[in-house]
Amino acid sequence: MTARVPEDLAGWEPDAALGYPGEFPFTRGIQPTMYRGRLWTMRQYAGFGGAAESNARYRYLLSQGVSGLSVAFDLPTQMGYDSDHRLAAGEVGRVGVAIDSLEDMAALFDGIPLERVSTSMTINATAAVLLALYVAVARRRGVAPRALSGTVQNDILKEYVARGTYVYPPRHSLRIVTDIVAYCERELPSWNSISISGYHIREAGATAAQEVAFTFANAVAYVQAAIAAGLDVDAFARRISFFFSAHNDLLEEIAKFRAARRLWARIMRDRFGAATPRAQQLRFHAQTAGSTLTAQQPDNNIVRVALQALAAVLGGAQSLHCNGRDEALALPTEESARIALRTQQIIAEETGVANTVDPTGGAWAVEDLTNGIEREAAALMERIEESGGTLAAIESGLVQRWIQESAYRTQLAIDSGEAIVVGVNRYADGGLVEPALFGVDPEVERRQIERVQAVRASRSRAAWAASLDAIGRTARGGGNLMPPILQAVEALATVGEIADAMRAAFGEYQEAADL
């Protein structure tokens, strides 16, 4: 039960718990003026088919007022398989754009000014390869890599507990993450080298407090690995960002974001000795909750998304994506993407909520929820530490079991009617009304296979072979993998070939059957 009167917050010290916006512990926001000075970045997550099709969608979104691109890659790209691999059959371009080579990446961003547009890439196991491809496109155009801004998700640990698009064993994967962080600190100073994701953890069934706890447990492992590699915490932590879900419970979500900022600031200062405010601040992108979208009465999803987006804004997000109303059924149509973007624009321009910093701060219910989420998340993190740390908890299946148990309880509540889903277990109208759905051209796969095979036929075999050999030697040794990967993509090595070179050195991860 949340607080209803001031006495319910007995012992609460607002000076220590809240402070002022832009000041430690940043509960009220990371900027003194928040959206009064600058609105959040409005992104629309998009990608489908081949590079040309996705490029057209990106140009459309930019023309409609999107202020940052967010790239979805198809499953073969995420898993390190080229489009003509037998395991890619039927999946090419389906849930994201198919990228096999530098030629695809160049086509994906054709006509888009990389030096002026911030690009977020949701990619993990093959993050080093896709980042290298992006840098290579910039270099080909004469754009200095230091001028690039954006984010590569690069959060492989959550793949083992929530999504499953891993390739290499956890400890080798963590090495790749650290190599990317070190490379970006040196070569891409305006690039966020990692976006640690609670979104997929929440989508898998975690509670709000578990989302914060498990995300931060992963983050602690990344920070520890970076420090162990000799990186300065005040330098690399400035470019760490986070990615959270904006779920249905409006006040709980607002409180979750506020609690996360405060808890992270204290972790960075007290545990890792970060001394600069930028290294203590939690900057985050939010996406409305895909798991709450319903195939039944899909227009209801417009309302759900609007309220979830409002929670993210009231909670102080730096970047936001709104889901399309039809995403429980298919990829969003152009019309659905436009409605989703207009949702953000209406919140920004018409509601007035951006005119006040932390407008819900000081409300008894919100402060009580904020305190409770922080306490519960900290307690869960302590249990992970007691189990041997994040890697041990993942390898033993502990975190996976906690998420599965929460997901099971949630589904039981929906099935019993204890948790109401409008249009599904309450106020259902008895029929499934399907709007006009977006479909991927079935010819995309054939054309993409032809493209990757043409790239292989056009390249210098000697330069290609030498570049892959360099990746293998570096993987087995101790050097940073980014420079040889960049050399390989510029020699037209494909995503799958580069992934295979690292598979040969690292092996592949197989999840234990009893998790």
Protein backbone atom coordinates (compact mmCIF):
# COMPACT_ATOMS: atom_id res chain seq x y z
CA MET A 1 0.00 0.00 0.00
CA THR A 2 1.34 3.44 -0.89
CA ALA A 3 1.52 6.41 1.44
CA ARG A 4 -1.63 8.47 1.95
CA VAL A 5 -0.56 10.92 4.67
CA PRO A 6 2.80 12.52 5.58
CA GLU A 7 3.19 10.23 8.59
CA ASP A 8 3.46 7.25 6.24
CA LEU A 9 6.82 8.66 5.14
CA ALA A 10 8.18 8.79 8.69
CA GLY A 11 11.96 9.06 8.66
CA TRP A 12 12.03 10.24 5.07
CA GLU A 13 14.57 13.00 4.56
CA PRO A 14 13.80 14.96 1.40
CA ASP A 15 17.17 16.72 1.31
CA ALA A 16 19.01 13.40 1.13
CA ALA A 17 16.42 11.48 -0.88
CA LEU A 18 15.53 14.17 -3.39
CA GLY A 19 17.84 17.16 -3.49
CA TYR A 20 17.42 19.46 -6.45
CA PRO A 21 17.06 18.52 -10.13
CA GLY A 22 20.47 18.07 -11.71
CA GLU A 23 22.14 17.37 -8.37
CA PHE A 24 23.11 14.16 -6.57
CA PRO A 25 21.34 11.74 -6.16
CA PHE A 26 19.45 12.91 -9.26
CA THR A 27 16.09 11.54 -8.09
CA ARG A 28 14.39 14.57 -9.63
CA GLY A 29 16.24 14.37 -12.96
CA ILE A 30 19.73 14.67 -14.37
CA GLN A 31 19.33 18.23 -15.70
CA PRO A 32 18.38 21.29 -13.61
CA THR A 33 15.73 22.36 -16.14
CA MET A 34 14.97 18.95 -17.72
CA TYR A 35 12.55 19.36 -20.66
CA ARG A 36 12.24 23.09 -20.20
CA GLY A 37 15.74 23.28 -21.64
CA ARG A 38 15.55 20.41 -24.12
CA LEU A 39 12.91 17.82 -24.94
CA TRP A 40 13.66 14.13 -24.89
CA THR A 41 14.86 12.54 -28.15
CA MET A 42 11.88 11.14 -30.05
CA ARG A 43 12.94 7.87 -31.62
CA GLN A 44 10.97 5.35 -33.62
CA TYR A 45 12.36 1.81 -33.58
CA ALA A 46 12.20 0.57 -37.15
CA GLY A 47 13.75 -1.87 -39.55
CA PHE A 48 12.43 -4.53 -41.91
CA GLY A 49 13.24 -6.24 -45.17
CA GLY A 50 16.39 -5.11 -46.91
CA ALA A 51 18.40 -1.94 -46.47
CA ALA A 52 16.55 0.01 -49.16
CA GLU A 53 13.11 -0.65 -47.62
CA SER A 54 14.25 0.40 -44.15
CA ASN A 55 16.02 3.47 -45.54
CA ALA A 56 12.71 4.63 -47.01
CA ARG A 57 10.99 4.25 -43.61
CA TYR A 58 13.80 6.17 -41.88
CA ARG A 59 13.51 9.04 -44.35
CA TYR A 60 9.76 9.12 -43.79
CA LEU A 61 10.13 9.20 -40.00
CA LEU A 62 12.70 11.98 -40.19
CA SER A 63 10.32 13.99 -42.38
CA GLN A 64 7.61 13.56 -39.72
CA GLY A 65 9.71 14.97 -36.89
CA VAL A 66 11.67 12.05 -35.47
CA SER A 67 14.82 13.41 -33.83
CA GLY A 68 16.77 10.14 -33.65
CA LEU A 69 16.81 6.84 -35.53
CA SER A 70 16.57 3.44 -33.85
CA VAL A 71 17.54 0.40 -35.89
CA ALA A 72 15.95 -3.03 -35.56
CA PHE A 73 17.99 -5.88 -37.07
CA ASP A 74 16.63 -9.22 -38.20
CA LEU A 75 17.38 -12.40 -36.27
CA PRO A 76 20.14 -13.71 -38.57
CA THR A 77 22.03 -10.42 -38.17
CA GLN A 78 21.54 -10.54 -34.41
CA MET A 79 22.82 -14.12 -34.26
CA GLY A 80 25.78 -13.67 -36.60
CA TYR A 81 24.47 -15.54 -39.65
CA ASP A 82 24.52 -14.26 -43.21
CA SER A 83 21.26 -14.21 -45.14
CA ASP A 84 22.24 -17.27 -47.20
CA HIS A 85 23.02 -19.42 -44.14
CA ARG A 86 20.70 -22.40 -43.77
CA LEU A 87 19.63 -21.23 -40.29
CA ALA A 88 18.55 -17.86 -41.71
CA ALA A 89 15.93 -19.39 -43.99
CA GLY A 90 12.52 -17.79 -43.44
CA GLU A 91 13.86 -15.11 -41.07
CA VAL A 92 15.61 -12.70 -43.43
CA GLY A 93 14.24 -9.18 -42.96
CA ARG A 94 11.30 -10.38 -40.84
CA VAL A 95 11.70 -8.73 -37.43
CA GLY A 96 14.25 -6.16 -38.53
CA VAL A 97 16.50 -5.17 -41.38
CA ALA A 98 18.91 -7.69 -42.89
CA ILE A 99 22.52 -6.46 -42.81
CA ASP A 100 25.24 -8.71 -44.21
CA SER A 101 28.00 -6.36 -45.33
CA LEU A 102 29.29 -2.82 -45.65
CA GLU A 103 27.26 -2.41 -48.84
CA ASP A 104 24.05 -3.09 -46.90
CA MET A 105 24.97 -0.62 -44.17
CA ALA A 106 25.79 2.04 -46.75
CA ALA A 107 22.39 1.51 -48.40
CA LEU A 108 20.61 1.59 -45.03
CA PHE A 109 21.87 5.11 -44.32
CA ASP A 110 21.90 6.40 -47.88
CA GLY A 111 21.09 10.12 -47.91
CA ILE A 112 20.97 10.35 -44.11
CA PRO A 113 23.50 12.81 -42.62
CA LEU A 114 25.31 10.66 -40.06
CA GLU A 115 27.05 13.67 -38.55
CA ARG A 116 23.67 15.27 -37.72
CA VAL A 117 21.42 12.32 -36.84
CA SER A 118 21.75 10.30 -33.63
CA THR A 119 21.44 6.58 -34.34
CA SER A 120 20.61 3.86 -31.83
CA MET A 121 21.29 0.25 -32.80
CA THR A 122 19.60 -2.57 -30.90
CA ILE A 123 22.28 -5.20 -31.34
CA ASN A 124 24.20 -7.27 -28.83
CA ALA A 125 26.08 -10.45 -29.74
CA THR A 126 27.26 -8.88 -33.02
CA ALA A 127 27.40 -5.32 -31.70
CA ALA A 128 31.11 -4.94 -32.47
CA VAL A 129 30.50 -5.82 -36.12
CA LEU A 130 27.51 -3.52 -36.63
CA LEU A 131 29.26 -0.63 -34.90
CA ALA A 132 32.30 -1.18 -37.15
CA LEU A 133 30.01 -1.15 -40.19
CA TYR A 134 28.52 2.18 -39.10
CA VAL A 135 31.98 3.68 -38.58
CA ALA A 136 33.10 2.32 -41.95
CA VAL A 137 30.14 3.97 -43.71
CA ALA A 138 31.07 7.29 -42.08
CA ARG A 139 34.71 6.91 -43.12
CA ARG A 140 33.70 6.08 -46.69
CA ARG A 141 31.71 9.34 -46.79
CA GLY A 142 34.51 11.40 -45.27
CA VAL A 143 32.69 11.88 -41.95
CA ALA A 144 35.05 11.77 -38.99
CA PRO A 145 34.07 9.00 -36.53
CA ARG A 146 34.45 11.51 -33.70
CA ALA A 147 31.48 13.40 -35.19
CA LEU A 148 29.14 10.40 -34.81
CA SER A 149 26.56 10.30 -32.03
CA GLY A 150 24.29 7.49 -30.99
CA THR A 151 24.14 4.25 -29.04
CA VAL A 152 24.93 0.61 -29.57
CA GLN A 153 23.01 -1.59 -27.14
CA ASN A 154 25.93 -3.97 -26.55
CA ASP A 155 24.26 -5.51 -23.47
CA ILE A 156 24.95 -9.18 -23.90
CA LEU A 157 24.29 -10.34 -20.33
CA LYS A 158 20.55 -9.73 -20.53
CA GLU A 159 20.47 -11.99 -23.59
CA TYR A 160 21.29 -14.97 -21.38
CA VAL A 161 18.38 -14.23 -19.03
CA ALA A 162 15.71 -12.64 -21.20
CA ARG A 163 16.05 -12.81 -25.00
CA GLY A 164 18.38 -15.59 -26.12
CA THR A 165 20.21 -13.92 -29.02
CA TYR A 166 23.63 -14.78 -27.65
CA VAL A 167 26.47 -16.42 -29.59
CA TYR A 168 29.55 -16.78 -27.40
CA PRO A 169 29.93 -17.89 -23.77
CA PRO A 170 29.26 -15.13 -21.19
CA ARG A 171 32.85 -14.47 -20.18
CA HIS A 172 34.04 -14.11 -23.78
CA SER A 173 31.03 -11.94 -24.55
CA LEU A 174 31.91 -9.69 -21.63
CA ARG A 175 35.39 -9.26 -23.11
CA ILE A 176 33.85 -8.05 -26.41
CA VAL A 177 31.66 -5.57 -24.52
CA THR A 178 34.70 -4.16 -22.76
CA ASP A 179 36.61 -3.88 -26.05
CA ILE A 180 33.76 -1.81 -27.50
CA VAL A 181 33.66 0.45 -24.43
CA ALA A 182 37.42 1.03 -24.63
CA TYR A 183 37.32 1.68 -28.38
CA CYS A 184 34.46 4.19 -28.11
CA GLU A 185 36.19 6.06 -25.28
CA ARG A 186 39.20 6.51 -27.55
CA GLU A 187 37.64 6.92 -31.01
CA LEU A 188 33.94 7.83 -30.60
CA PRO A 189 33.69 10.30 -27.71
CA SER A 190 30.05 11.23 -28.43
CA TRP A 191 28.88 7.63 -28.74
CA ASN A 192 27.15 5.67 -25.97
CA SER A 193 29.16 2.45 -25.97
CA ILE A 194 26.56 0.43 -24.06
CA SER A 195 22.84 0.72 -23.34
CA ILE A 196 22.11 -1.62 -20.47
CA SER A 197 18.64 -2.99 -21.01
CA GLY A 198 15.95 -3.61 -18.45
CA TYR A 199 13.35 -3.49 -21.20
CA HIS A 200 13.81 -7.06 -22.33
CA ILE A 201 14.00 -8.26 -18.73
CA ARG A 202 10.62 -6.64 -18.07
CA GLU A 203 9.21 -8.01 -21.32
CA ALA A 204 10.24 -11.51 -20.20
CA GLY A 205 8.04 -11.14 -17.10
CA ALA A 206 10.06 -9.35 -14.41
CA THR A 207 8.44 -6.94 -11.96
CA ALA A 208 9.36 -3.25 -11.81
CA ALA A 209 11.81 -3.79 -8.93
CA GLN A 210 13.32 -6.86 -10.63
CA GLU A 211 13.78 -4.86 -13.83
CA VAL A 212 15.87 -2.31 -11.93
CA ALA A 213 17.77 -4.91 -9.88
CA PHE A 214 18.72 -7.27 -12.70
CA THR A 215 19.62 -4.40 -15.03
CA PHE A 216 21.91 -2.90 -12.40
CA ALA A 217 23.43 -6.28 -11.55
CA ASN A 218 24.45 -6.55 -15.21
CA ALA A 219 25.66 -2.95 -15.16
CA VAL A 220 27.84 -3.63 -12.14
CA ALA A 221 29.46 -6.54 -14.01
CA TYR A 222 30.20 -4.27 -16.99
CA VAL A 223 31.68 -1.54 -14.81
CA GLN A 224 33.82 -4.06 -12.92
CA ALA A 225 35.08 -5.53 -16.21
CA ALA A 226 35.93 -2.09 -17.59
CA ILE A 227 37.83 -1.11 -14.45
CA ALA A 228 39.67 -4.45 -14.51
CA ALA A 229 40.69 -3.66 -18.09
CA GLY A 230 42.31 -0.46 -16.87
CA LEU A 231 39.64 2.05 -17.90
CA ASP A 232 38.96 5.15 -15.82
CA VAL A 233 35.47 5.00 -14.32
CA ASP A 234 34.91 8.75 -14.56
CA ALA A 235 35.77 8.61 -18.25
CA PHE A 236 33.88 5.56 -19.55
CA ALA A 237 30.86 5.86 -17.24
CA ARG A 238 29.93 9.15 -18.88
CA ARG A 239 28.88 7.19 -21.96
CA ILE A 240 26.91 4.42 -20.23
CA SER A 241 23.18 4.63 -20.91
CA PHE A 242 20.20 2.50 -19.92
CA PHE A 243 17.05 1.22 -21.61
CA PHE A 244 13.88 0.64 -19.58
CA SER A 245 10.30 -0.41 -20.21
CA ALA A 246 7.44 2.01 -19.63
CA HIS A 247 4.72 -0.32 -18.35
CA ASN A 248 1.06 0.04 -17.41
CA ASP A 249 1.05 1.11 -13.74
CA LEU A 250 1.48 4.87 -14.16
CA LEU A 251 2.63 5.82 -10.65
CA GLU A 252 4.77 2.71 -10.20
CA GLU A 253 6.59 3.40 -13.46
CA ILE A 254 7.24 7.05 -12.58
CA ALA A 255 8.58 5.90 -9.21
CA LYS A 256 10.70 3.18 -10.86
CA PHE A 257 12.57 5.68 -13.00
CA ARG A 258 13.15 8.01 -10.04
CA ALA A 259 14.33 5.14 -7.81
CA ALA A 260 16.65 3.86 -10.54
CA ARG A 261 18.36 7.24 -10.89
CA ARG A 262 18.93 7.49 -7.15
CA LEU A 263 20.14 3.92 -6.71
CA TRP A 264 22.54 4.12 -9.67
CA ALA A 265 24.04 7.41 -8.45
CA ARG A 266 24.79 5.85 -5.09
CA ILE A 267 26.25 2.69 -6.65
CA MET A 268 28.57 4.69 -8.86
CA ARG A 269 29.72 7.04 -6.09
CA ASP A 270 29.91 4.68 -3.15
CA ARG A 271 30.89 1.39 -4.79
CA PHE A 272 33.01 2.50 -7.73
CA GLY A 273 34.25 5.89 -6.57
CA ALA A 274 32.92 7.87 -9.53
CA ALA A 275 33.54 11.49 -8.61
CA THR A 276 32.06 13.44 -11.52
CA PRO A 277 28.29 14.04 -11.80
CA ARG A 278 28.17 12.77 -15.39
CA ALA A 279 29.62 9.43 -14.31
CA GLN A 280 27.03 9.17 -11.51
CA GLN A 281 24.00 10.05 -13.60
CA LEU A 282 21.61 7.49 -15.04
CA ARG A 283 20.62 8.47 -18.57
CA PHE A 284 17.95 6.27 -20.10
CA HIS A 285 15.88 5.53 -23.16
CA ALA A 286 12.37 4.19 -22.59
CA GLN A 287 10.08 2.16 -24.81
CA THR A 288 6.43 1.48 -24.19
CA ALA A 289 5.72 -2.10 -23.16
CA GLY A 290 5.24 -4.44 -26.10
CA SER A 291 4.09 -7.23 -23.80
CA THR A 292 0.99 -5.20 -22.82
CA LEU A 293 -0.24 -4.80 -26.40
CA THR A 294 -3.24 -6.92 -27.33
CA ALA A 295 -4.31 -8.45 -30.61
CA GLN A 296 -7.91 -8.02 -29.47
CA GLN A 297 -9.30 -4.48 -29.92
CA PRO A 298 -5.93 -3.19 -31.17
CA ASP A 299 -7.00 0.47 -31.09
CA ASN A 300 -6.98 0.16 -27.28
CA ASN A 301 -3.20 -0.03 -27.63
CA ILE A 302 -3.09 3.62 -28.66
CA VAL A 303 -4.39 4.54 -25.19
CA ARG A 304 -2.04 2.12 -23.43
CA VAL A 305 0.95 3.51 -25.31
CA ALA A 306 -0.01 7.11 -24.57
CA LEU A 307 -0.23 6.48 -20.83
CA GLN A 308 3.00 4.48 -20.78
CA ALA A 309 4.76 7.25 -22.69
CA LEU A 310 3.41 9.79 -20.21
CA ALA A 311 4.93 7.73 -17.37
CA ALA A 312 8.32 7.79 -19.11
CA VAL A 313 8.16 11.56 -19.53
CA LEU A 314 7.00 12.19 -15.97
CA GLY A 315 9.81 9.85 -14.89
CA GLY A 316 12.44 11.88 -16.72
CA ALA A 317 13.45 9.82 -19.80
CA GLN A 318 16.14 11.20 -22.12
CA SER A 319 14.81 9.31 -25.14
CA LEU A 320 11.53 7.58 -25.94
CA HIS A 321 9.98 5.20 -28.46
CA CYS A 322 6.24 4.55 -28.67
CA ASN A 323 5.01 1.21 -30.00
CA GLY A 324 2.49 0.96 -32.82
CA ARG A 325 -1.08 -0.10 -32.13
CA ASP A 326 -0.77 -3.15 -34.40
CA GLU A 327 2.49 -4.63 -33.08
CA ALA A 328 0.73 -7.53 -31.35
CA LEU A 329 -0.15 -8.65 -34.87
CA ALA A 330 2.66 -7.56 -37.18
CA LEU A 331 5.32 -4.96 -37.81
CA PRO A 332 3.75 -1.48 -37.60
CA THR A 333 2.28 0.09 -40.70
CA GLU A 334 3.38 3.57 -41.73
CA GLU A 335 0.12 4.96 -40.33
CA SER A 336 0.66 3.21 -36.98
CA ALA A 337 4.22 4.54 -36.78
CA ARG A 338 2.91 8.05 -37.44
CA ILE A 339 0.28 7.77 -34.68
CA ALA A 340 2.97 6.53 -32.29
CA LEU A 341 5.18 9.50 -33.11
CA ARG A 342 2.29 11.94 -32.83
CA THR A 343 1.63 10.51 -29.35
CA GLN A 344 5.04 11.77 -28.22
CA GLN A 345 4.56 15.09 -29.95
CA ILE A 346 1.17 15.68 -28.30
CA ILE A 347 2.64 14.91 -24.88
CA ALA A 348 5.49 17.33 -25.57
CA GLU A 349 3.53 20.16 -27.16
CA GLU A 350 -0.01 20.04 -25.76
CA THR A 351 -0.12 18.57 -22.25
CA GLY A 352 2.17 21.01 -20.43
CA VAL A 353 3.93 18.24 -18.51
CA ALA A 354 7.29 19.25 -19.99
CA ASN A 355 7.04 22.69 -18.40
CA THR A 356 7.73 21.48 -14.85
CA VAL A 357 10.75 19.56 -13.59
CA ASP A 358 9.73 16.37 -11.76
CA PRO A 359 6.04 17.36 -11.55
CA THR A 360 5.09 14.34 -9.40
CA GLY A 361 7.97 14.77 -6.95
CA GLY A 362 6.86 15.23 -3.35
CA ALA A 363 3.60 13.37 -3.84
CA TRP A 364 3.27 10.98 -0.91
CA ALA A 365 2.27 7.99 -3.04
CA VAL A 366 5.06 8.57 -5.57
CA GLU A 367 7.76 9.06 -2.92
CA ASP A 368 6.62 5.96 -1.02
CA LEU A 369 6.69 3.89 -4.22
CA THR A 370 10.11 5.31 -5.11
CA ASN A 371 11.50 4.33 -1.72
CA GLY A 372 9.97 0.86 -1.92
CA ILE A 373 11.32 0.07 -5.38
CA GLU A 374 14.79 1.26 -4.41
CA ARG A 375 14.79 -0.93 -1.27
CA GLU A 376 13.51 -4.02 -3.08
CA ALA A 377 15.93 -3.61 -5.99
CA ALA A 378 18.88 -3.15 -3.62
CA ALA A 379 17.87 -6.28 -1.69
CA LEU A 380 17.69 -8.34 -4.90
CA MET A 381 21.11 -7.09 -5.97
CA GLU A 382 22.50 -8.15 -2.60
CA ARG A 383 21.10 -11.67 -3.11
CA ILE A 384 22.83 -11.82 -6.51
CA GLU A 385 26.11 -10.79 -4.89
CA GLU A 386 25.67 -13.49 -2.25
CA SER A 387 25.18 -16.07 -5.01
CA GLY A 388 28.63 -15.26 -6.41
CA GLY A 389 27.89 -12.24 -8.59
CA THR A 390 26.12 -11.59 -11.86
CA LEU A 391 27.93 -14.10 -14.06
CA ALA A 392 27.52 -16.87 -11.50
CA ALA A 393 23.82 -16.03 -11.08
CA ILE A 394 23.32 -16.20 -14.86
CA GLU A 395 25.32 -19.39 -15.31
CA SER A 396 23.40 -21.11 -12.49
CA GLY A 397 20.04 -19.96 -13.89
CA LEU A 398 19.08 -18.06 -10.72
CA VAL A 399 18.02 -14.84 -12.42
CA GLN A 400 16.23 -16.74 -15.18
CA ARG A 401 14.18 -18.66 -12.58
CA TRP A 402 13.19 -15.47 -10.77
CA ILE A 403 11.94 -13.93 -14.02
CA GLN A 404 10.08 -17.10 -15.03
CA GLU A 405 8.35 -17.24 -11.64
CA SER A 406 7.22 -13.62 -11.94
CA ALA A 407 5.96 -14.18 -15.47
CA TYR A 408 4.02 -17.23 -14.30
CA ARG A 409 2.36 -15.30 -11.47
CA THR A 410 1.39 -12.51 -13.85
CA GLN A 411 -0.22 -14.93 -16.31
CA LEU A 412 -2.13 -16.67 -13.51
CA ALA A 413 -3.52 -13.30 -12.43
CA ILE A 414 -4.67 -12.54 -15.97
CA ASP A 415 -6.17 -16.00 -16.45
CA SER A 416 -8.09 -15.75 -13.16
CA GLY A 417 -9.31 -12.22 -13.87
CA GLU A 418 -7.49 -10.79 -10.87
CA ALA A 419 -5.47 -8.64 -13.29
CA ILE A 420 -7.75 -6.94 -15.81
CA VAL A 421 -6.81 -6.59 -19.47
CA VAL A 422 -9.44 -4.51 -21.20
CA GLY A 423 -10.73 -6.18 -24.34
CA VAL A 424 -9.26 -9.56 -23.35
CA ASN A 425 -10.61 -10.76 -19.99
CA ARG A 426 -12.95 -7.80 -19.39
CA TYR A 427 -15.08 -5.81 -21.85
CA ALA A 428 -14.34 -8.25 -24.66
CA ASP A 429 -16.54 -7.91 -27.73
CA GLY A 430 -16.27 -11.51 -28.90
CA GLY A 431 -14.43 -10.95 -32.14
CA LEU A 432 -10.92 -10.32 -33.38
CA VAL A 433 -10.86 -7.25 -35.60
CA GLU A 434 -7.67 -7.13 -37.61
CA PRO A 435 -6.60 -3.79 -39.07
CA ALA A 436 -4.71 -3.61 -42.34
CA LEU A 437 -1.38 -5.23 -41.52
CA PHE A 438 2.12 -4.59 -42.76
CA GLY A 439 3.83 -7.44 -44.58
CA VAL A 440 7.42 -8.01 -45.66
CA ASP A 441 7.85 -8.73 -49.37
CA PRO A 442 8.64 -12.48 -49.67
CA GLU A 443 11.16 -11.59 -52.40
CA VAL A 444 13.34 -9.78 -49.84
CA GLU A 445 15.14 -12.97 -48.84
CA ARG A 446 16.00 -13.93 -52.41
CA ARG A 447 17.28 -10.44 -53.22
CA GLN A 448 19.31 -10.29 -50.01
CA ILE A 449 20.96 -13.64 -50.74
CA GLU A 450 21.91 -12.36 -54.18
CA ARG A 451 23.37 -9.19 -52.62
CA VAL A 452 25.60 -11.00 -50.15
CA GLN A 453 26.81 -13.42 -52.78
CA ALA A 454 27.63 -10.53 -55.12
CA VAL A 455 29.66 -8.86 -52.35
CA ARG A 456 31.69 -12.02 -51.84
CA ALA A 457 32.41 -12.23 -55.55
CA SER A 458 33.58 -8.61 -55.76
CA ARG A 459 36.13 -8.41 -52.95
CA SER A 460 39.87 -8.98 -52.76
CA ARG A 461 40.28 -12.50 -51.43
CA ALA A 462 43.73 -11.78 -50.01
CA ALA A 463 42.62 -8.73 -48.01
CA TRP A 464 39.48 -10.54 -46.84
CA ALA A 465 41.40 -13.62 -45.64
CA ALA A 466 44.06 -11.56 -43.91
CA SER A 467 41.44 -9.52 -42.05
CA LEU A 468 39.63 -12.61 -40.74
CA ASP A 469 42.92 -14.15 -39.69
CA ALA A 470 43.69 -10.98 -37.72
CA ILE A 471 40.36 -11.25 -35.89
CA GLY A 472 41.10 -14.84 -34.92
CA ARG A 473 44.56 -13.99 -33.60
CA THR A 474 43.22 -11.02 -31.62
CA ALA A 475 40.36 -13.05 -30.18
CA ARG A 476 42.76 -15.72 -28.96
CA GLY A 477 45.15 -13.06 -27.67
CA GLY A 478 44.49 -10.01 -25.57
CA GLY A 479 44.17 -7.10 -27.99
CA ASN A 480 41.12 -4.96 -28.68
CA LEU A 481 38.88 -6.61 -31.27
CA MET A 482 37.43 -3.43 -32.76
CA PRO A 483 40.37 -2.41 -35.01
CA PRO A 484 40.63 -5.79 -36.81
CA ILE A 485 36.83 -5.99 -37.10
CA LEU A 486 36.79 -2.53 -38.69
CA GLN A 487 39.53 -3.66 -41.07
CA ALA A 488 37.50 -6.76 -41.93
CA VAL A 489 34.25 -4.94 -42.72
CA GLU A 490 36.17 -2.53 -44.95
CA ALA A 491 37.60 -5.59 -46.73
CA LEU A 492 33.94 -6.63 -47.29
CA ALA A 493 33.96 -9.51 -44.84
CA THR A 494 30.37 -10.30 -43.93
CA VAL A 495 28.70 -10.27 -40.52
CA GLY A 496 28.49 -14.06 -40.53
CA GLU A 497 32.11 -14.55 -41.52
CA ILE A 498 33.36 -12.24 -38.79
CA ALA A 499 31.10 -13.95 -36.25
CA ASP A 500 32.43 -17.32 -37.38
CA ALA A 501 36.01 -16.16 -36.89
CA MET A 502 35.15 -15.38 -33.28
CA ARG A 503 33.13 -18.59 -32.91
CA ALA A 504 36.27 -20.51 -33.83
CA ALA A 505 38.19 -18.73 -31.06
CA PHE A 506 35.52 -18.49 -28.34
CA GLY A 507 33.12 -21.35 -29.00
CA GLU A 508 29.32 -21.05 -28.78
CA TYR A 509 27.18 -20.86 -25.65
CA GLN A 510 24.63 -23.59 -25.01
CA GLU A 511 22.10 -22.94 -22.27
CA ALA A 512 21.83 -25.63 -19.60
CA ALA A 513 18.78 -27.81 -20.20
CA ASP A 514 17.47 -27.52 -16.64
CA LEU A 515 17.19 -23.70 -16.50
